[in-house]
Amino acid sequence: MIDEAAADQREEFRPLIELTPEERRQIITLPPGIARLTAVRHLVLYGSNLVRVPAEIGAMTSLEEITPYTSYRLHWFPYEITRCRKLTRSTVSTRALFGNRRIRPPFPRLQPSLNSVTNLDLGNLDPRRWGATAIRGCSVCDRPLEHSGLHQMWISLRVATDVLPLLVNACSAACVDTLPDGAHEYVPTPHKGGRVDQPASDWG
């Protein structure tokens, strides 16, 4: 379906409507090939079983709207989505998100920072530990990670219509230092998750 959408330069991509309910349940992430969907303006993932979205979404430079509403297993997004400069509209089930204002669910604790990834197979990762099956480049500067480190951080930022928890895979502490402040009424700085102080929830 991605091949077809890339070939015909379609502006709206609704991959799930062509799948059976059983097939939809098997799709827990999108393939990295979404990077080729540079003409897509609206990505519709309504009612998906997605657990994560790959960093390659940042290459969808025409993206203006994303609709993963009622995707209740989707708790966070990659920082690379901030590269979608035209993205102004989103419909997200925000109560499912880490750190949302309503109930402030905790952020999972991230792995300790590494100054070298020499002993880490970046192309074959356990997504339960690293949030991805592969990490190809720095979320901040886009440089390859092979000869640098890996510093994972959470940050909550307004993206389009919603404040989203974003996973950052930075190559260095210097790149972490360039990250913006967190959104108003959210954790104000990048953090490692776990027992982090969050503002009071809207429900007290």
Protein backbone atom coordinates (compact mmCIF):
# COMPACT_ATOMS: atom_id res chain seq x y z
CA MET A 1 0.00 0.00 0.00
CA ILE A 2 2.89 2.36 0.72
CA ASP A 3 4.38 1.55 -2.69
CA GLU A 4 1.08 2.42 -4.37
CA ALA A 5 0.61 5.62 -2.37
CA ALA A 6 4.16 6.76 -3.13
CA ALA A 7 3.76 5.96 -6.83
CA ASP A 8 0.50 7.83 -7.34
CA GLN A 9 1.50 10.73 -5.07
CA ARG A 10 -1.77 10.55 -3.16
CA GLU A 11 -2.46 13.27 -0.61
CA GLU A 12 -4.51 11.14 1.80
CA PHE A 13 -3.31 7.79 3.11
CA ARG A 14 -5.81 5.47 4.86
CA PRO A 15 -4.01 2.12 5.05
CA LEU A 16 -6.28 0.44 7.59
CA ILE A 17 -9.51 0.56 5.62
CA GLU A 18 -8.12 -1.96 3.15
CA LEU A 19 -7.32 -4.50 5.89
CA THR A 20 -9.50 -7.04 7.65
CA PRO A 21 -10.06 -6.62 11.42
CA GLU A 22 -7.59 -9.47 12.05
CA GLU A 23 -4.96 -7.82 9.84
CA ARG A 24 -5.46 -4.48 11.59
CA ARG A 25 -4.82 -6.11 14.98
CA GLN A 26 -1.44 -7.32 13.71
CA ILE A 27 -0.21 -3.84 12.72
CA ILE A 28 1.52 -2.45 15.82
CA THR A 29 3.86 -0.06 14.02
CA LEU A 30 4.19 1.50 10.58
CA PRO A 31 7.05 0.44 8.28
CA PRO A 32 9.97 2.85 7.74
CA GLY A 33 8.85 3.12 4.11
CA ILE A 34 6.42 5.85 5.15
CA ALA A 35 9.38 8.17 4.56
CA ARG A 36 8.54 7.93 0.84
CA LEU A 37 5.05 9.38 1.35
CA THR A 38 6.20 12.93 0.76
CA ALA A 39 2.96 13.98 -0.95
CA VAL A 40 0.62 12.78 1.80
CA ARG A 41 -1.14 15.64 3.56
CA HIS A 42 -3.51 13.60 5.75
CA LEU A 43 -2.53 10.37 7.50
CA VAL A 44 -5.61 8.53 8.79
CA LEU A 45 -4.98 5.85 11.43
CA TYR A 46 -8.40 5.91 13.11
CA GLY A 47 -8.99 2.95 15.44
CA SER A 48 -5.58 1.40 14.88
CA ASN A 49 -3.75 -1.11 17.08
CA LEU A 50 -0.52 0.88 16.77
CA VAL A 51 1.91 0.80 19.67
CA ARG A 52 4.45 3.15 18.11
CA VAL A 53 5.10 5.30 15.06
CA PRO A 54 8.58 5.13 13.48
CA ALA A 55 10.93 8.09 13.32
CA GLU A 56 10.61 8.07 9.53
CA ILE A 57 7.36 10.00 9.87
CA GLY A 58 9.60 13.06 10.02
CA ALA A 59 10.26 12.67 6.27
CA MET A 60 6.58 13.17 5.43
CA THR A 61 7.21 16.82 4.68
CA SER A 62 3.76 17.58 3.23
CA LEU A 63 1.88 16.21 6.24
CA GLU A 64 -0.74 18.67 7.46
CA GLU A 65 -3.05 16.43 9.50
CA ILE A 66 -2.76 13.18 11.43
CA THR A 67 -5.74 11.25 12.78
CA PRO A 68 -4.86 8.33 15.07
CA TYR A 69 -8.03 8.82 17.13
CA THR A 70 -9.12 5.82 19.27
CA SER A 71 -5.68 4.23 18.86
CA TYR A 72 -5.62 3.50 22.57
CA ARG A 73 -2.32 1.58 22.57
CA LEU A 74 -0.44 4.55 21.11
CA HIS A 75 1.03 6.26 24.18
CA TRP A 76 3.84 8.35 22.63
CA PHE A 77 5.31 9.61 19.35
CA PRO A 78 8.84 10.04 17.98
CA TYR A 79 10.49 13.46 18.31
CA GLU A 80 11.06 13.38 14.55
CA ILE A 81 7.40 14.27 14.02
CA THR A 82 8.44 17.87 14.82
CA ARG A 83 10.15 17.92 11.40
CA CYS A 84 6.70 17.90 9.78
CA ARG A 85 6.60 21.70 9.62
CA LYS A 86 3.21 21.83 7.89
CA LEU A 87 1.49 19.65 10.50
CA THR A 88 -1.21 21.83 12.07
CA ARG A 89 -4.12 19.46 12.82
CA SER A 90 -4.25 16.31 14.90
CA THR A 91 -6.94 14.16 16.46
CA VAL A 92 -5.36 12.02 19.16
CA SER A 93 -6.90 10.10 22.05
CA THR A 94 -4.93 12.16 24.54
CA ARG A 95 -6.02 10.26 27.66
CA ALA A 96 -3.96 7.32 26.39
CA LEU A 97 -0.78 9.42 26.27
CA PHE A 98 1.98 9.37 28.86
CA GLY A 99 1.75 12.43 31.11
CA ASN A 100 -1.57 13.67 29.75
CA ARG A 101 -3.23 16.51 31.68
CA ARG A 102 -6.28 14.50 32.69
CA ILE A 103 -4.69 11.69 34.67
CA ARG A 104 -0.88 12.15 34.39
CA PRO A 105 0.06 8.50 33.74
CA PRO A 106 3.78 7.90 34.38
CA PHE A 107 6.43 7.82 31.69
CA PRO A 108 8.36 4.54 31.40
CA ARG A 109 11.93 4.82 32.63
CA LEU A 110 14.38 5.01 29.74
CA GLN A 111 17.69 3.23 29.44
CA PRO A 112 20.82 4.92 30.88
CA SER A 113 22.60 7.19 28.42
CA LEU A 114 25.46 5.68 26.42
CA ASN A 115 28.50 7.64 25.28
CA SER A 116 29.25 4.88 22.77
CA VAL A 117 26.97 2.44 20.93
CA THR A 118 29.81 0.16 19.84
CA ASN A 119 28.26 -2.81 21.63
CA LEU A 120 24.68 -2.03 20.60
CA ASP A 121 23.15 -3.38 17.39
CA LEU A 122 21.23 -0.30 16.31
CA GLY A 123 19.49 -2.18 13.52
CA ASN A 124 18.13 -4.94 15.74
CA LEU A 125 16.79 -3.49 18.98
CA ASP A 126 14.23 -4.74 21.47
CA PRO A 127 11.41 -2.20 21.19
CA ARG A 128 10.32 -2.97 24.76
CA ARG A 129 13.64 -1.53 25.97
CA TRP A 130 14.42 1.08 23.32
CA GLY A 131 11.03 2.07 21.88
CA ALA A 132 12.07 1.05 18.37
CA THR A 133 13.41 -1.94 16.46
CA ALA A 134 16.07 0.27 14.87
CA ILE A 135 17.52 3.73 15.51
CA ARG A 136 19.23 5.15 12.44
CA GLY A 137 20.02 8.75 13.30
CA CYS A 138 19.92 11.43 15.97
CA SER A 139 16.42 12.81 16.51
CA VAL A 140 17.89 16.29 16.88
CA CYS A 141 20.74 16.70 14.37
CA ASP A 142 20.00 13.65 12.16
CA ARG A 143 23.62 12.44 12.22
CA PRO A 144 24.22 8.65 12.23
CA LEU A 145 24.67 7.19 15.70
CA GLU A 146 27.29 4.56 14.83
CA HIS A 147 30.22 6.66 16.02
CA SER A 148 28.50 8.57 18.81
CA GLY A 149 26.31 7.82 21.81
CA LEU A 150 22.63 7.34 22.56
CA HIS A 151 20.84 9.62 24.98
CA GLN A 152 17.12 8.88 25.20
CA MET A 153 14.80 11.49 26.70
CA TRP A 154 11.09 12.20 27.01
CA ILE A 155 9.73 15.64 26.21
CA SER A 156 6.12 16.84 25.95
CA LEU A 157 5.56 19.38 23.19
CA ARG A 158 2.61 20.84 21.36
CA VAL A 159 2.46 19.23 17.95
CA ALA A 160 -0.41 20.40 15.77
CA THR A 161 -3.55 20.41 17.94
CA ASP A 162 -2.29 18.30 20.86
CA VAL A 163 0.51 18.10 23.40
CA LEU A 164 2.31 14.84 22.65
CA PRO A 165 4.90 12.89 24.65
CA LEU A 166 7.87 12.52 22.31
CA LEU A 167 10.75 10.07 22.51
CA VAL A 168 14.10 11.65 21.68
CA ASN A 169 17.06 9.55 20.53
CA ALA A 170 19.94 12.03 20.74
CA CYS A 171 23.53 11.35 19.75
CA SER A 172 25.03 13.46 22.53
CA ALA A 173 24.35 15.45 25.66
CA ALA A 174 24.98 18.54 23.53
CA CYS A 175 22.00 17.67 21.33
CA VAL A 176 19.87 17.09 24.43
CA ASP A 177 20.84 20.58 25.60
CA THR A 178 19.39 22.10 22.42
CA LEU A 179 15.90 20.66 23.04
CA PRO A 180 13.17 23.22 23.75
CA ASP A 181 11.34 23.56 27.04
CA GLY A 182 8.39 21.28 27.59
CA ALA A 183 4.85 22.49 26.93
CA HIS A 184 3.11 24.74 29.47
CA GLU A 185 1.64 22.73 32.37
CA TYR A 186 3.77 19.69 31.52
CA VAL A 187 7.18 18.56 32.76
CA PRO A 188 9.26 21.63 31.85
CA THR A 189 12.49 19.91 30.80
CA PRO A 190 13.53 16.73 28.98
CA HIS A 191 13.62 13.77 31.37
CA LYS A 192 14.29 10.06 31.67
CA GLY A 193 10.83 9.08 32.89
CA GLY A 194 10.22 6.90 35.90
CA ARG A 195 9.56 8.77 39.13
CA VAL A 196 9.48 12.26 37.65
CA ASP A 197 7.39 15.04 39.22
CA GLN A 198 4.49 16.03 36.99
CA PRO A 199 2.08 18.93 37.47
CA ALA A 200 -1.23 18.04 39.14
CA SER A 201 -3.79 16.49 36.83
CA ASP A 202 -6.95 18.28 35.75
CA TRP A 203 -8.82 15.82 37.95
CA GLY A 204 -6.73 16.73 40.98
